[in-house]
Amino acid sequence: MFLMRRPAVSGRLPKLMDSDQQAALEQAWALLADGAAKRRHAMHTPVLAGVTAEGLPDQRIMVLREAAADLALLRLHTDARSPKVTQLDGRPVHVLAYDAGAAIQLRIEGKGRIERNGRRVEAIWAEATCFARRCYLAEAAPGTVRVTPGSGLPPEVEGHQPNEEQLVPARANFAILLVEVSAIDWLHLANSGHRRCRFERNGTDWSASWLQP
């Protein structure tokens, strides 16, 4: 077996004919799940790319919050006022993640979906710490031009953890970004010879093809 490690994957994945391809797909989702759960994991902060209104690529590092293999879904958080909301909502999203320890690169394709309200969003907001929610108190939208450098946070919470009452205005600025994964390009780098596989999702099933690395 050429895989360096096979962490247990959360969620259920359909079985592929090729056991090595199955192992690679499970490993990909397991690494993403670990990245979402562990702050120091290499895949905790993947690169997300979309396209601007002018058709130019736009990339940013974001924090991965959840990876659900059974739903083929990634969850991240964003300021609802951010320009990337328009870029990614209902549009193609590309995700790049790399784990140097496992020597695994994942290039992920999917479709973005922004959710601002609803039971899921409310539950996620309620579960977050006061400190994590503090950034959504910024008085201006991300990317707003400033005369001087600064966080944009109100003076009373700058450098301090706000209380629940102070966080009430922040809720309107919070949204989640869901990436509906449609394809994963899995690359394993090894001295003995690289391996690469592309997975494509059709409904609830996955197909796989070995590729030249």
Protein backbone atom coordinates (compact mmCIF):
# COMPACT_ATOMS: atom_id res chain seq x y z
CA MET A 1 0.00 0.00 0.00
CA PHE A 2 1.44 3.34 -1.08
CA LEU A 3 -0.53 5.51 1.33
CA MET A 4 1.52 6.89 4.21
CA ARG A 5 -1.42 6.82 6.60
CA ARG A 6 -5.13 6.15 6.60
CA PRO A 7 -6.98 8.05 9.33
CA ALA A 8 -10.52 6.91 10.02
CA VAL A 9 -12.98 8.88 7.87
CA SER A 10 -16.16 10.36 9.30
CA GLY A 11 -19.37 9.73 7.38
CA ARG A 12 -20.09 6.95 4.92
CA LEU A 13 -18.62 6.80 1.43
CA PRO A 14 -19.77 4.48 -1.37
CA LYS A 15 -17.33 1.66 -2.15
CA LEU A 16 -15.18 1.94 -5.26
CA MET A 17 -14.03 -1.05 -7.29
CA ASP A 18 -10.34 -0.25 -6.74
CA SER A 19 -9.40 -0.65 -3.07
CA ASP A 20 -6.43 1.73 -3.39
CA GLN A 21 -8.70 4.40 -4.85
CA GLN A 22 -11.14 3.80 -2.01
CA ALA A 23 -8.34 4.22 0.51
CA ALA A 24 -7.22 7.47 -1.14
CA LEU A 25 -10.74 8.92 -1.12
CA GLU A 26 -11.23 7.99 2.53
CA GLN A 27 -7.85 9.45 3.37
CA ALA A 28 -8.72 12.72 1.64
CA TRP A 29 -11.88 13.16 3.69
CA ALA A 30 -10.17 12.03 6.89
CA LEU A 31 -7.45 14.64 6.46
CA LEU A 32 -10.08 17.32 5.84
CA ALA A 33 -12.04 16.20 8.91
CA ASP A 34 -8.87 16.34 11.00
CA GLY A 35 -8.13 19.77 9.56
CA ALA A 36 -11.52 21.03 10.63
CA ALA A 37 -11.20 19.58 14.13
CA LYS A 38 -7.58 20.45 14.95
CA ARG A 39 -6.28 24.03 14.93
CA ARG A 40 -2.67 22.97 14.35
CA HIS A 41 -3.46 20.55 11.53
CA ALA A 42 -1.96 21.39 8.14
CA MET A 43 -5.38 21.42 6.46
CA HIS A 44 -6.98 23.69 9.04
CA THR A 45 -6.37 26.71 6.80
CA PRO A 46 -6.81 25.80 3.13
CA VAL A 47 -6.69 28.27 0.24
CA LEU A 48 -10.03 29.09 -1.38
CA ALA A 49 -10.24 30.62 -4.82
CA GLY A 50 -13.10 32.21 -6.70
CA VAL A 51 -13.44 34.62 -9.61
CA THR A 52 -14.03 38.37 -9.43
CA ALA A 53 -16.67 40.22 -11.44
CA GLU A 54 -13.88 41.06 -13.90
CA GLY A 55 -13.13 37.37 -14.39
CA LEU A 56 -9.87 37.43 -12.42
CA PRO A 57 -8.93 34.71 -9.91
CA ASP A 58 -9.15 35.77 -6.27
CA GLN A 59 -7.63 33.67 -3.49
CA ARG A 60 -7.64 33.76 0.27
CA ILE A 61 -6.79 31.53 3.23
CA MET A 62 -9.80 30.52 5.31
CA VAL A 63 -10.37 28.36 8.36
CA LEU A 64 -11.97 24.99 7.69
CA ARG A 65 -14.72 24.40 10.27
CA GLU A 66 -16.29 21.13 9.15
CA ALA A 67 -15.80 18.40 6.53
CA ALA A 68 -18.70 16.00 6.05
CA ALA A 69 -17.72 13.08 3.83
CA ASP A 70 -21.22 11.64 3.59
CA LEU A 71 -22.61 14.96 2.36
CA ALA A 72 -19.51 15.94 0.35
CA LEU A 73 -19.64 19.27 2.13
CA LEU A 74 -17.09 21.69 3.57
CA ARG A 75 -18.06 24.48 5.97
CA LEU A 76 -16.26 27.76 6.56
CA HIS A 77 -17.28 31.07 8.15
CA THR A 78 -17.26 34.55 6.65
CA ASP A 79 -18.30 38.13 7.22
CA ALA A 80 -21.58 38.50 5.33
CA ARG A 81 -20.40 41.91 4.08
CA SER A 82 -17.22 40.54 2.48
CA PRO A 83 -16.81 40.83 -1.32
CA LYS A 84 -16.07 37.09 -1.44
CA VAL A 85 -19.71 36.40 -0.58
CA THR A 86 -20.75 37.62 -4.02
CA GLN A 87 -17.82 35.85 -5.67
CA LEU A 88 -18.57 32.45 -4.13
CA ASP A 89 -22.31 32.23 -3.53
CA GLY A 90 -23.79 29.91 -6.14
CA ARG A 91 -20.53 29.95 -8.10
CA PRO A 92 -17.54 27.64 -8.60
CA VAL A 93 -15.11 27.39 -5.69
CA HIS A 94 -11.65 25.82 -5.73
CA VAL A 95 -9.97 24.67 -2.52
CA LEU A 96 -6.28 23.84 -2.12
CA ALA A 97 -5.00 21.99 0.96
CA TYR A 98 -1.65 20.35 1.65
CA ASP A 99 -0.41 18.15 4.48
CA ALA A 100 3.40 18.01 4.42
CA GLY A 101 3.53 15.21 6.97
CA ALA A 102 1.32 12.95 4.89
CA ALA A 103 2.74 14.38 1.63
CA ILE A 104 -0.81 14.76 0.36
CA GLN A 105 -2.13 17.61 -1.76
CA LEU A 106 -5.88 18.01 -2.31
CA ARG A 107 -7.27 20.19 -5.10
CA ILE A 108 -11.00 20.40 -4.57
CA GLU A 109 -13.71 21.68 -6.90
CA GLY A 110 -17.19 22.59 -5.79
CA LYS A 111 -20.01 25.09 -5.70
CA GLY A 112 -20.33 27.71 -2.99
CA ARG A 113 -23.45 28.43 -0.98
CA ILE A 114 -23.82 31.26 1.51
CA GLU A 115 -26.23 30.92 4.42
CA ARG A 116 -26.97 33.92 6.62
CA ASN A 117 -30.02 32.70 8.52
CA GLY A 118 -31.75 29.53 9.58
CA ARG A 119 -31.48 26.93 12.30
CA ARG A 120 -28.05 25.72 11.24
CA VAL A 121 -26.53 29.20 11.19
CA GLU A 122 -28.06 30.11 14.53
CA ALA A 123 -26.72 26.93 16.14
CA ILE A 124 -23.22 27.50 14.78
CA TRP A 125 -23.26 31.11 15.98
CA ALA A 126 -24.41 30.08 19.45
CA GLU A 127 -21.67 27.45 19.72
CA ALA A 128 -18.85 29.88 18.88
CA THR A 129 -16.93 31.53 21.70
CA CYS A 130 -17.37 35.20 22.44
CA PHE A 131 -13.78 35.80 21.35
CA ALA A 132 -14.37 34.04 17.99
CA ARG A 133 -17.50 36.13 17.36
CA ARG A 134 -15.72 39.37 18.20
CA CYS A 135 -14.34 39.90 14.67
CA TYR A 136 -17.90 40.30 13.34
CA LEU A 137 -18.23 43.47 15.40
CA ALA A 138 -16.02 45.34 12.93
CA GLU A 139 -17.76 48.57 12.01
CA ALA A 140 -16.91 48.42 8.31
CA ALA A 141 -17.00 45.64 5.74
CA PRO A 142 -13.78 43.73 4.93
CA GLY A 143 -11.83 45.55 2.24
CA THR A 144 -13.08 49.02 3.19
CA VAL A 145 -10.39 51.69 2.69
CA ARG A 146 -9.00 53.09 5.95
CA VAL A 147 -7.03 56.26 6.69
CA THR A 148 -5.00 54.46 9.35
CA PRO A 149 -4.30 50.77 10.03
CA GLY A 150 -6.57 49.05 12.52
CA SER A 151 -8.92 46.20 13.26
CA GLY A 152 -12.06 48.28 12.88
CA LEU A 153 -13.41 46.90 16.15
CA PRO A 154 -15.27 49.24 18.50
CA PRO A 155 -12.90 50.70 21.13
CA GLU A 156 -14.70 48.98 24.00
CA VAL A 157 -13.86 45.49 22.64
CA GLU A 158 -10.46 46.20 21.11
CA GLY A 159 -8.12 43.86 22.97
CA HIS A 160 -10.96 42.55 25.15
CA GLN A 161 -13.43 39.69 24.99
CA PRO A 162 -16.95 41.07 24.51
CA ASN A 163 -19.95 39.84 26.44
CA GLU A 164 -23.16 38.45 24.93
CA GLU A 165 -24.89 41.82 25.02
CA GLN A 166 -22.07 43.52 23.16
CA LEU A 167 -22.14 40.76 20.52
CA VAL A 168 -25.77 41.28 19.53
CA PRO A 169 -24.92 43.60 16.56
CA ALA A 170 -22.30 41.12 15.31
CA ARG A 171 -24.82 38.43 14.42
CA ALA A 172 -26.04 40.30 11.32
CA ASN A 173 -22.50 40.22 9.92
CA PHE A 174 -22.03 36.46 10.30
CA ALA A 175 -22.58 33.91 7.56
CA ILE A 176 -21.41 30.41 6.71
CA LEU A 177 -19.93 29.31 3.43
CA LEU A 178 -20.76 25.77 2.35
CA VAL A 179 -18.77 24.18 -0.44
CA GLU A 180 -20.63 21.38 -2.20
CA VAL A 181 -17.72 19.23 -3.35
CA SER A 182 -17.99 17.85 -6.87
CA ALA A 183 -14.41 16.69 -7.48
CA ILE A 184 -11.18 15.98 -5.59
CA ASP A 185 -7.74 15.72 -7.16
CA TRP A 186 -5.64 13.66 -4.74
CA LEU A 187 -1.84 13.71 -5.08
CA HIS A 188 0.58 11.69 -2.96
CA LEU A 189 4.22 12.73 -3.22
CA ALA A 190 6.72 9.93 -2.52
CA ASN A 191 10.36 9.16 -3.29
CA SER A 192 9.29 5.74 -4.51
CA GLY A 193 6.97 7.34 -7.06
CA HIS A 194 4.12 9.81 -6.91
CA ARG A 195 0.49 8.74 -7.20
CA ARG A 196 -2.45 10.84 -8.36
CA CYS A 197 -6.17 10.15 -8.55
CA ARG A 198 -9.18 12.24 -9.53
CA PHE A 199 -12.53 11.64 -7.89
CA GLU A 200 -15.79 12.98 -9.31
CA ARG A 201 -19.12 12.94 -7.53
CA ASN A 202 -22.33 12.07 -9.32
CA GLY A 203 -25.30 12.28 -6.98
CA THR A 204 -24.22 10.28 -3.95
CA ASP A 205 -21.70 8.15 -5.86
CA TRP A 206 -18.04 8.73 -6.61
CA SER A 207 -16.09 7.67 -9.69
CA ALA A 208 -12.29 7.54 -9.75
CA SER A 209 -9.54 7.73 -12.36
CA TRP A 210 -5.80 7.33 -11.90
CA LEU A 211 -3.86 10.24 -13.41
CA GLN A 212 -0.26 10.80 -14.34
CA PRO A 213 1.20 12.79 -11.40
